[in-house]
Amino acid sequence: MNPQTRRAALQAIGLIAIAASVNALAHSYAGLYEWAVHHRLGGWQAMSWPAEIDVFLAVGELALYVAYLDGWPARQRAWPWATALTGLAVSVAGNIGHIQAGPGHPVILADRLTAATSPLAAFAGLSVGLLVLKMTRQQANATTRASTPTPALTLAPAPVSADRVARSTADAAPVPRPGNDPAGSDDHGGAEPEPTLLHAASLIYQDAAARGERLSQRMLARQLRGHGHRFPNEHLRLIADSIGLTTGQAA
């Protein structure tokens, strides 16, 4: 169906449902007013008493509309439903009860059904309106999900133990060459961190990410130095940038 035609049809259904509910509540008000007059209420009391009954039906309907628009959970929607159904039951009883037999005109079942139609029609308008609202929201959500790209699946890295960090560091450690002291160059601030140091830092970062822990640069430096690595504090930022730690903290 054309989206514009579908939107126009849904809007027409909503307007008709609202108009039918207002008309039905007006008829219900008239029936409840006669009930109040017949039971010794007059003046402003007779005019305001029907509102005391149908207000529960109207407030329950409006609360249900808000509940479906805002996506309330089912437990919170139970109260508006209870309010609307209570108002419906009392309104039906009052509209049926105001029918009185006249001389030669006993009250028949058709009379009572006619009197009960008004509040039932108001409630039916609510049901249709809620159905249209629910279908509209489902269509809108489906369209939103279809237009939203699915994020790529990211596999969490496997937990890495401290022993594995130590073993991997030992395996990846280069063979010292004469005249080249890696530890000494770290202590005196070399140009950049060594690959073995970056490898150990990456394993520690993956281990923390797998456990769902937040790893700070200070914690990373403490663990690296606990495994025997030596490096100046100036290298800590470079190490964190190389393994993606600063990017993860910014996100």
C-alpha atoms as a PDB file:
ATOM      1  CA  MET A   1       0.000   0.000   0.000  1.00  0.00           C
ATOM      2  CA  ASN A   2       1.117   3.512  -0.729  1.00  0.00           C
ATOM      3  CA  PRO A   3       2.600   5.033   2.488  1.00  0.00           C
ATOM      4  CA  GLN A   4       0.540   8.220   2.067  1.00  0.00           C
ATOM      5  CA  THR A   5      -2.674   6.218   1.572  1.00  0.00           C
ATOM      6  CA  ARG A   6      -1.890   4.049   4.585  1.00  0.00           C
ATOM      7  CA  ARG A   7      -1.198   7.095   6.758  1.00  0.00           C
ATOM      8  CA  ALA A   8      -4.416   8.756   5.629  1.00  0.00           C
ATOM      9  CA  ALA A   9      -6.427   5.606   6.389  1.00  0.00           C
ATOM     10  CA  LEU A  10      -4.912   5.295   9.866  1.00  0.00           C
ATOM     11  CA  GLN A  11      -5.607   8.953  10.598  1.00  0.00           C
ATOM     12  CA  ALA A  12      -9.213   8.543   9.439  1.00  0.00           C
ATOM     13  CA  ILE A  13      -9.652   5.490  11.669  1.00  0.00           C
ATOM     14  CA  GLY A  14      -8.250   7.388  14.623  1.00  0.00           C
ATOM     15  CA  LEU A  15     -10.514  10.396  14.065  1.00  0.00           C
ATOM     16  CA  ILE A  16     -13.605   8.199  13.652  1.00  0.00           C
ATOM     17  CA  ALA A  17     -12.735   6.263  16.808  1.00  0.00           C
ATOM     18  CA  ILE A  18     -12.327   9.495  18.779  1.00  0.00           C
ATOM     19  CA  ALA A  19     -15.602  10.931  17.437  1.00  0.00           C
ATOM     20  CA  ALA A  20     -17.453   7.701  18.234  1.00  0.00           C
ATOM     21  CA  SER A  21     -16.049   7.678  21.763  1.00  0.00           C
ATOM     22  CA  VAL A  22     -17.095  11.303  22.378  1.00  0.00           C
ATOM     23  CA  ASN A  23     -20.584  10.649  21.044  1.00  0.00           C
ATOM     24  CA  ALA A  24     -20.936   7.478  23.118  1.00  0.00           C
ATOM     25  CA  LEU A  25     -19.797   9.278  26.268  1.00  0.00           C
ATOM     26  CA  ALA A  26     -22.396  11.981  25.627  1.00  0.00           C
ATOM     27  CA  HIS A  27     -25.153   9.350  25.443  1.00  0.00           C
ATOM     28  CA  SER A  28     -23.767   7.682  28.541  1.00  0.00           C
ATOM     29  CA  TYR A  29     -23.808  11.031  30.350  1.00  0.00           C
ATOM     30  CA  ALA A  30     -27.500  11.464  29.507  1.00  0.00           C
ATOM     31  CA  GLY A  31     -28.367   8.005  30.843  1.00  0.00           C
ATOM     32  CA  LEU A  32     -26.401   8.507  34.051  1.00  0.00           C
ATOM     33  CA  TYR A  33     -28.006  11.925  34.510  1.00  0.00           C
ATOM     34  CA  GLU A  34     -31.457  10.347  34.419  1.00  0.00           C
ATOM     35  CA  TRP A  35     -30.252   7.748  36.931  1.00  0.00           C
ATOM     36  CA  ALA A  36     -29.078  10.538  39.272  1.00  0.00           C
ATOM     37  CA  VAL A  37     -32.369  12.440  38.959  1.00  0.00           C
ATOM     38  CA  HIS A  38     -34.370   9.279  39.617  1.00  0.00           C
ATOM     39  CA  HIS A  39     -32.316   8.656  42.781  1.00  0.00           C
ATOM     40  CA  ARG A  40     -33.005  12.001  44.432  1.00  0.00           C
ATOM     41  CA  LEU A  41     -30.142  14.064  43.058  1.00  0.00           C
ATOM     42  CA  GLY A  42     -30.923  17.418  41.531  1.00  0.00           C
ATOM     43  CA  GLY A  43     -29.337  20.605  40.290  1.00  0.00           C
ATOM     44  CA  TRP A  44     -25.553  20.628  40.026  1.00  0.00           C
ATOM     45  CA  GLN A  45     -25.314  17.265  41.798  1.00  0.00           C
ATOM     46  CA  ALA A  46     -27.332  15.517  39.109  1.00  0.00           C
ATOM     47  CA  MET A  47     -25.295  17.245  36.390  1.00  0.00           C
ATOM     48  CA  SER A  48     -21.900  16.442  37.902  1.00  0.00           C
ATOM     49  CA  TRP A  49     -22.621  12.886  39.092  1.00  0.00           C
ATOM     50  CA  PRO A  50     -22.310  11.268  35.615  1.00  0.00           C
ATOM     51  CA  ALA A  51     -18.817  12.769  35.303  1.00  0.00           C
ATOM     52  CA  GLU A  52     -17.813  10.948  38.470  1.00  0.00           C
ATOM     53  CA  ILE A  53     -18.559   7.666  36.684  1.00  0.00           C
ATOM     54  CA  ASP A  54     -17.423   8.229  33.110  1.00  0.00           C
ATOM     55  CA  VAL A  55     -14.282  10.063  34.223  1.00  0.00           C
ATOM     56  CA  PHE A  56     -12.759   6.707  35.122  1.00  0.00           C
ATOM     57  CA  LEU A  57     -13.468   5.382  31.638  1.00  0.00           C
ATOM     58  CA  ALA A  58     -12.103   8.538  29.956  1.00  0.00           C
ATOM     59  CA  VAL A  59      -9.005   8.800  32.163  1.00  0.00           C
ATOM     60  CA  GLY A  60      -8.292   5.089  31.731  1.00  0.00           C
ATOM     61  CA  GLU A  61      -8.514   5.448  27.942  1.00  0.00           C
ATOM     62  CA  LEU A  62      -6.182   8.468  27.858  1.00  0.00           C
ATOM     63  CA  ALA A  63      -3.701   6.752  30.173  1.00  0.00           C
ATOM     64  CA  LEU A  64      -3.680   3.697  27.911  1.00  0.00           C
ATOM     65  CA  TYR A  65      -2.933   5.859  24.871  1.00  0.00           C
ATOM     66  CA  VAL A  66      -0.007   7.435  26.714  1.00  0.00           C
ATOM     67  CA  ALA A  67       1.139   4.005  27.923  1.00  0.00           C
ATOM     68  CA  TYR A  68       1.281   2.618  24.384  1.00  0.00           C
ATOM     69  CA  LEU A  69       2.905   5.768  22.991  1.00  0.00           C
ATOM     70  CA  ASP A  70       5.624   5.769  25.663  1.00  0.00           C
ATOM     71  CA  GLY A  71       6.044   1.988  25.683  1.00  0.00           C
ATOM     72  CA  TRP A  72       5.111   1.316  29.320  1.00  0.00           C
ATOM     73  CA  PRO A  73       5.791  -2.251  30.492  1.00  0.00           C
ATOM     74  CA  ALA A  74       2.803  -4.585  30.868  1.00  0.00           C
ATOM     75  CA  ARG A  75       2.790  -4.314  34.664  1.00  0.00           C
ATOM     76  CA  GLN A  76       2.382  -0.528  34.543  1.00  0.00           C
ATOM     77  CA  ARG A  77      -0.323  -0.754  31.859  1.00  0.00           C
ATOM     78  CA  ALA A  78      -2.411  -2.931  34.198  1.00  0.00           C
ATOM     79  CA  TRP A  79      -3.543   0.084  36.236  1.00  0.00           C
ATOM     80  CA  PRO A  80      -4.949   2.087  33.304  1.00  0.00           C
ATOM     81  CA  TRP A  81      -6.704  -1.054  32.087  1.00  0.00           C
ATOM     82  CA  ALA A  82      -8.208  -1.649  35.539  1.00  0.00           C
ATOM     83  CA  THR A  83      -9.373   1.981  35.725  1.00  0.00           C
ATOM     84  CA  ALA A  84     -10.968   1.870  32.261  1.00  0.00           C
ATOM     85  CA  LEU A  85     -12.679  -1.479  32.883  1.00  0.00           C
ATOM     86  CA  THR A  86     -13.990  -0.340  36.277  1.00  0.00           C
ATOM     87  CA  GLY A  87     -15.411   2.828  34.745  1.00  0.00           C
ATOM     88  CA  LEU A  88     -16.953   0.749  31.950  1.00  0.00           C
ATOM     89  CA  ALA A  89     -18.644  -1.665  34.368  1.00  0.00           C
ATOM     90  CA  VAL A  90     -20.109   1.086  36.561  1.00  0.00           C
ATOM     91  CA  SER A  91     -21.207   3.121  33.529  1.00  0.00           C
ATOM     92  CA  VAL A  92     -22.960   0.115  31.973  1.00  0.00           C
ATOM     93  CA  ALA A  93     -24.722  -0.610  35.270  1.00  0.00           C
ATOM     94  CA  GLY A  94     -25.868   2.997  35.635  1.00  0.00           C
ATOM     95  CA  ASN A  95     -27.101   3.256  32.061  1.00  0.00           C
ATOM     96  CA  ILE A  96     -29.048   0.007  32.365  1.00  0.00           C
ATOM     97  CA  GLY A  97     -30.400   0.942  35.772  1.00  0.00           C
ATOM     98  CA  HIS A  98     -31.934   4.229  34.651  1.00  0.00           C
ATOM     99  CA  ILE A  99     -34.420   2.394  32.416  1.00  0.00           C
ATOM    100  CA  GLN A 100     -37.705   2.334  34.271  1.00  0.00           C
ATOM    101  CA  ALA A 101     -40.903   0.556  33.366  1.00  0.00           C
ATOM    102  CA  GLY A 102     -43.855   2.735  32.369  1.00  0.00           C
ATOM    103  CA  PRO A 103     -47.582   2.070  32.420  1.00  0.00           C
ATOM    104  CA  GLY A 104     -48.116  -0.726  29.933  1.00  0.00           C
ATOM    105  CA  HIS A 105     -44.460  -0.623  28.895  1.00  0.00           C
ATOM    106  CA  PRO A 106     -42.390  -3.146  30.848  1.00  0.00           C
ATOM    107  CA  VAL A 107     -38.612  -3.063  30.544  1.00  0.00           C
ATOM    108  CA  ILE A 108     -37.442  -5.657  28.043  1.00  0.00           C
ATOM    109  CA  LEU A 109     -33.994  -6.974  27.198  1.00  0.00           C
ATOM    110  CA  ALA A 110     -33.716  -4.776  24.100  1.00  0.00           C
ATOM    111  CA  ASP A 111     -34.194  -1.680  26.267  1.00  0.00           C
ATOM    112  CA  ARG A 112     -31.339  -2.672  28.545  1.00  0.00           C
ATOM    113  CA  LEU A 113     -29.068  -3.570  25.631  1.00  0.00           C
ATOM    114  CA  THR A 114     -29.785  -0.210  24.043  1.00  0.00           C
ATOM    115  CA  ALA A 115     -28.902   1.589  27.266  1.00  0.00           C
ATOM    116  CA  ALA A 116     -25.683  -0.423  27.633  1.00  0.00           C
ATOM    117  CA  THR A 117     -24.563   0.360  24.084  1.00  0.00           C
ATOM    118  CA  SER A 118     -23.219   3.850  24.848  1.00  0.00           C
ATOM    119  CA  PRO A 119     -20.423   2.967  27.308  1.00  0.00           C
ATOM    120  CA  LEU A 120     -19.651  -0.192  25.328  1.00  0.00           C
ATOM    121  CA  ALA A 121     -19.284   1.881  22.159  1.00  0.00           C
ATOM    122  CA  ALA A 122     -16.934   4.252  23.959  1.00  0.00           C
ATOM    123  CA  PHE A 123     -14.825   1.315  25.054  1.00  0.00           C
ATOM    124  CA  ALA A 124     -14.898  -0.160  21.539  1.00  0.00           C
ATOM    125  CA  GLY A 125     -13.573   3.137  20.202  1.00  0.00           C
ATOM    126  CA  LEU A 126     -10.725   2.836  22.693  1.00  0.00           C
ATOM    127  CA  SER A 127      -9.937  -0.707  21.527  1.00  0.00           C
ATOM    128  CA  VAL A 128      -9.859   0.285  17.865  1.00  0.00           C
ATOM    129  CA  GLY A 129      -7.721   3.324  18.587  1.00  0.00           C
ATOM    130  CA  LEU A 130      -5.239   1.284  20.614  1.00  0.00           C
ATOM    131  CA  LEU A 131      -5.056  -1.358  17.869  1.00  0.00           C
ATOM    132  CA  VAL A 132      -4.294   1.290  15.243  1.00  0.00           C
ATOM    133  CA  LEU A 133      -1.723   2.876  17.546  1.00  0.00           C
ATOM    134  CA  LYS A 134      -0.062  -0.484  18.215  1.00  0.00           C
ATOM    135  CA  MET A 135       0.134  -1.406  14.524  1.00  0.00           C
ATOM    136  CA  THR A 136       1.497   2.045  13.657  1.00  0.00           C
ATOM    137  CA  ARG A 137       4.254   1.748  16.268  1.00  0.00           C
ATOM    138  CA  GLN A 138       5.169  -1.758  15.109  1.00  0.00           C
ATOM    139  CA  GLN A 139       5.407  -0.558  11.504  1.00  0.00           C
ATOM    140  CA  ALA A 140       7.524   2.415  12.536  1.00  0.00           C
ATOM    141  CA  ASN A 141       9.850   0.210  14.613  1.00  0.00           C
ATOM    142  CA  ALA A 142      10.199  -2.280  11.747  1.00  0.00           C
ATOM    143  CA  THR A 143      11.089   0.537   9.353  1.00  0.00           C
ATOM    144  CA  THR A 144      13.647   1.912  11.799  1.00  0.00           C
ATOM    145  CA  ARG A 145      15.274  -1.491  12.281  1.00  0.00           C
ATOM    146  CA  ALA A 146      15.416  -2.058   8.529  1.00  0.00           C
ATOM    147  CA  SER A 147      17.132   1.294   7.935  1.00  0.00           C
ATOM    148  CA  THR A 148      19.632   0.869  10.792  1.00  0.00           C
ATOM    149  CA  PRO A 149      22.853  -0.928   9.761  1.00  0.00           C
ATOM    150  CA  THR A 150      23.652  -4.027  11.760  1.00  0.00           C
ATOM    151  CA  PRO A 151      26.869  -3.572  13.734  1.00  0.00           C
ATOM    152  CA  ALA A 152      29.680  -5.971  12.995  1.00  0.00           C
ATOM    153  CA  LEU A 153      30.004  -8.881  15.369  1.00  0.00           C
ATOM    154  CA  THR A 154      32.979  -8.444  17.657  1.00  0.00           C
ATOM    155  CA  LEU A 155      34.351 -11.474  19.432  1.00  0.00           C
ATOM    156  CA  ALA A 156      35.661 -10.862  22.911  1.00  0.00           C
ATOM    157  CA  PRO A 157      39.265 -11.923  23.399  1.00  0.00           C
ATOM    158  CA  ALA A 158      39.938 -14.968  25.533  1.00  0.00           C
ATOM    159  CA  PRO A 159      41.111 -14.372  29.101  1.00  0.00           C
ATOM    160  CA  VAL A 160      44.875 -14.094  29.421  1.00  0.00           C
ATOM    161  CA  SER A 161      46.588 -15.136  32.625  1.00  0.00           C
ATOM    162  CA  ALA A 162      49.684 -13.551  34.111  1.00  0.00           C
ATOM    163  CA  ASP A 163      51.687 -16.721  33.398  1.00  0.00           C
ATOM    164  CA  ARG A 164      50.747 -16.498  29.720  1.00  0.00           C
ATOM    165  CA  VAL A 165      51.930 -12.878  29.654  1.00  0.00           C
ATOM    166  CA  ALA A 166      55.240 -13.886  31.168  1.00  0.00           C
ATOM    167  CA  ARG A 167      55.698 -16.858  28.809  1.00  0.00           C
ATOM    168  CA  SER A 168      54.773 -14.817  25.731  1.00  0.00           C
ATOM    169  CA  THR A 169      57.138 -12.070  26.758  1.00  0.00           C
ATOM    170  CA  ALA A 170      59.962 -14.554  27.229  1.00  0.00           C
ATOM    171  CA  ASP A 171      59.279 -16.201  23.855  1.00  0.00           C
ATOM    172  CA  ALA A 172      59.152 -12.880  22.019  1.00  0.00           C
ATOM    173  CA  ALA A 173      62.195 -11.372  23.730  1.00  0.00           C
ATOM    174  CA  PRO A 174      65.019 -10.654  21.246  1.00  0.00           C
ATOM    175  CA  VAL A 175      68.501 -12.007  21.757  1.00  0.00           C
ATOM    176  CA  PRO A 176      70.703  -9.210  23.145  1.00  0.00           C
ATOM    177  CA  ARG A 177      73.488  -8.124  20.851  1.00  0.00           C
ATOM    178  CA  PRO A 178      76.852  -6.885  21.952  1.00  0.00           C
ATOM    179  CA  GLY A 179      76.743  -3.227  22.748  1.00  0.00           C
ATOM    180  CA  ASN A 180      72.943  -3.144  22.703  1.00  0.00           C
ATOM    181  CA  ASP A 181      71.207  -3.180  26.075  1.00  0.00           C
ATOM    182  CA  PRO A 182      67.418  -3.099  25.628  1.00  0.00           C
ATOM    183  CA  ALA A 183      66.804  -2.619  29.331  1.00  0.00           C
ATOM    184  CA  GLY A 184      69.257   0.211  29.459  1.00  0.00           C
ATOM    185  CA  SER A 185      67.683   1.943  26.495  1.00  0.00           C
ATOM    186  CA  ASP A 186      64.270   1.739  28.185  1.00  0.00           C
ATOM    187  CA  ASP A 187      65.610   3.155  31.409  1.00  0.00           C
ATOM    188  CA  HIS A 188      67.075   6.106  29.562  1.00  0.00           C
ATOM    189  CA  GLY A 189      64.072   6.832  27.369  1.00  0.00           C
ATOM    190  CA  GLY A 190      64.552   5.230  23.942  1.00  0.00           C
ATOM    191  CA  ALA A 191      62.887   6.486  20.829  1.00  0.00           C
ATOM    192  CA  GLU A 192      59.915   4.118  21.107  1.00  0.00           C
ATOM    193  CA  PRO A 193      58.749   1.096  23.184  1.00  0.00           C
ATOM    194  CA  GLU A 194      60.140  -2.290  22.202  1.00  0.00           C
ATOM    195  CA  PRO A 195      57.924  -4.867  20.462  1.00  0.00           C
ATOM    196  CA  THR A 196      58.183  -7.243  23.435  1.00  0.00           C
ATOM    197  CA  LEU A 197      56.865  -4.526  25.732  1.00  0.00           C
ATOM    198  CA  LEU A 198      53.998  -3.735  23.381  1.00  0.00           C
ATOM    199  CA  HIS A 199      53.171  -7.437  23.066  1.00  0.00           C
ATOM    200  CA  ALA A 200      52.969  -7.859  26.827  1.00  0.00           C
ATOM    201  CA  ALA A 201      50.881  -4.690  27.181  1.00  0.00           C
ATOM    202  CA  SER A 202      48.467  -5.928  24.493  1.00  0.00           C
ATOM    203  CA  LEU A 203      47.972  -9.232  26.325  1.00  0.00           C
ATOM    204  CA  ILE A 204      47.251  -7.433  29.587  1.00  0.00           C
ATOM    205  CA  TYR A 205      44.745  -5.147  27.836  1.00  0.00           C
ATOM    206  CA  GLN A 206      42.996  -8.107  26.189  1.00  0.00           C
ATOM    207  CA  ASP A 207      42.814  -9.916  29.525  1.00  0.00           C
ATOM    208  CA  ALA A 208      41.169  -6.908  31.211  1.00  0.00           C
ATOM    209  CA  ALA A 209      38.734  -6.462  28.314  1.00  0.00           C
ATOM    210  CA  ALA A 210      37.715 -10.122  28.469  1.00  0.00           C
ATOM    211  CA  ARG A 211      36.925  -9.817  32.182  1.00  0.00           C
ATOM    212  CA  GLY A 212      35.008  -6.567  31.623  1.00  0.00           C
ATOM    213  CA  GLU A 213      37.472  -4.554  33.724  1.00  0.00           C
ATOM    214  CA  ARG A 214      38.480  -0.951  33.010  1.00  0.00           C
ATOM    215  CA  LEU A 215      42.240  -0.753  32.616  1.00  0.00           C
ATOM    216  CA  SER A 216      43.889   2.591  33.309  1.00  0.00           C
ATOM    217  CA  GLN A 217      47.364   3.575  32.173  1.00  0.00           C
ATOM    218  CA  ARG A 218      48.590   3.490  35.749  1.00  0.00           C
ATOM    219  CA  MET A 219      47.323  -0.057  36.238  1.00  0.00           C
ATOM    220  CA  LEU A 220      48.919  -1.090  32.930  1.00  0.00           C
ATOM    221  CA  ALA A 221      52.294   0.334  33.995  1.00  0.00           C
ATOM    222  CA  ARG A 222      52.050  -1.416  37.373  1.00  0.00           C
ATOM    223  CA  GLN A 223      51.356  -4.804  35.779  1.00  0.00           C
ATOM    224  CA  LEU A 224      54.077  -4.413  33.155  1.00  0.00           C
ATOM    225  CA  ARG A 225      56.667  -3.520  35.743  1.00  0.00           C
ATOM    226  CA  GLY A 226      55.411  -6.381  37.899  1.00  0.00           C
ATOM    227  CA  HIS A 227      56.335  -8.725  35.021  1.00  0.00           C
ATOM    228  CA  GLY A 228      59.853  -7.316  34.956  1.00  0.00           C
ATOM    229  CA  HIS A 229      59.566  -4.730  32.164  1.00  0.00           C
ATOM    230  CA  ARG A 230      61.436  -1.483  32.533  1.00  0.00           C
ATOM    231  CA  PHE A 231      60.490   1.680  30.667  1.00  0.00           C
ATOM    232  CA  PRO A 232      60.382   5.417  31.375  1.00  0.00           C
ATOM    233  CA  ASN A 233      57.111   7.116  32.216  1.00  0.00           C
ATOM    234  CA  GLU A 234      57.351   9.035  28.941  1.00  0.00           C
ATOM    235  CA  HIS A 235      56.745   5.762  27.073  1.00  0.00           C
ATOM    236  CA  LEU A 236      53.499   4.954  28.898  1.00  0.00           C
ATOM    237  CA  ARG A 237      51.385   7.145  26.635  1.00  0.00           C
ATOM    238  CA  LEU A 238      52.960   5.605  23.530  1.00  0.00           C
ATOM    239  CA  ILE A 239      52.297   2.111  24.859  1.00  0.00           C
ATOM    240  CA  ALA A 240      48.654   2.930  25.618  1.00  0.00           C
ATOM    241  CA  ASP A 241      48.166   4.432  22.151  1.00  0.00           C
ATOM    242  CA  SER A 242      49.779   1.442  20.446  1.00  0.00           C
ATOM    243  CA  ILE A 243      47.482  -1.142  22.054  1.00  0.00           C
ATOM    244  CA  GLY A 244      44.297   0.957  21.710  1.00  0.00           C
ATOM    245  CA  LEU A 245      43.866   1.650  25.418  1.00  0.00           C
ATOM    246  CA  THR A 246      43.390   5.399  25.023  1.00  0.00           C
ATOM    247  CA  THR A 247      40.875   4.850  22.217  1.00  0.00           C
ATOM    248  CA  GLY A 248      38.815   2.489  24.386  1.00  0.00           C
ATOM    249  CA  GLN A 249      38.827   4.958  27.274  1.00  0.00           C
ATOM    250  CA  ALA A 250      37.665   7.789  25.006  1.00  0.00           C
ATOM    251  CA  ALA A 251      34.777   5.658  23.704  1.00  0.00           C
END
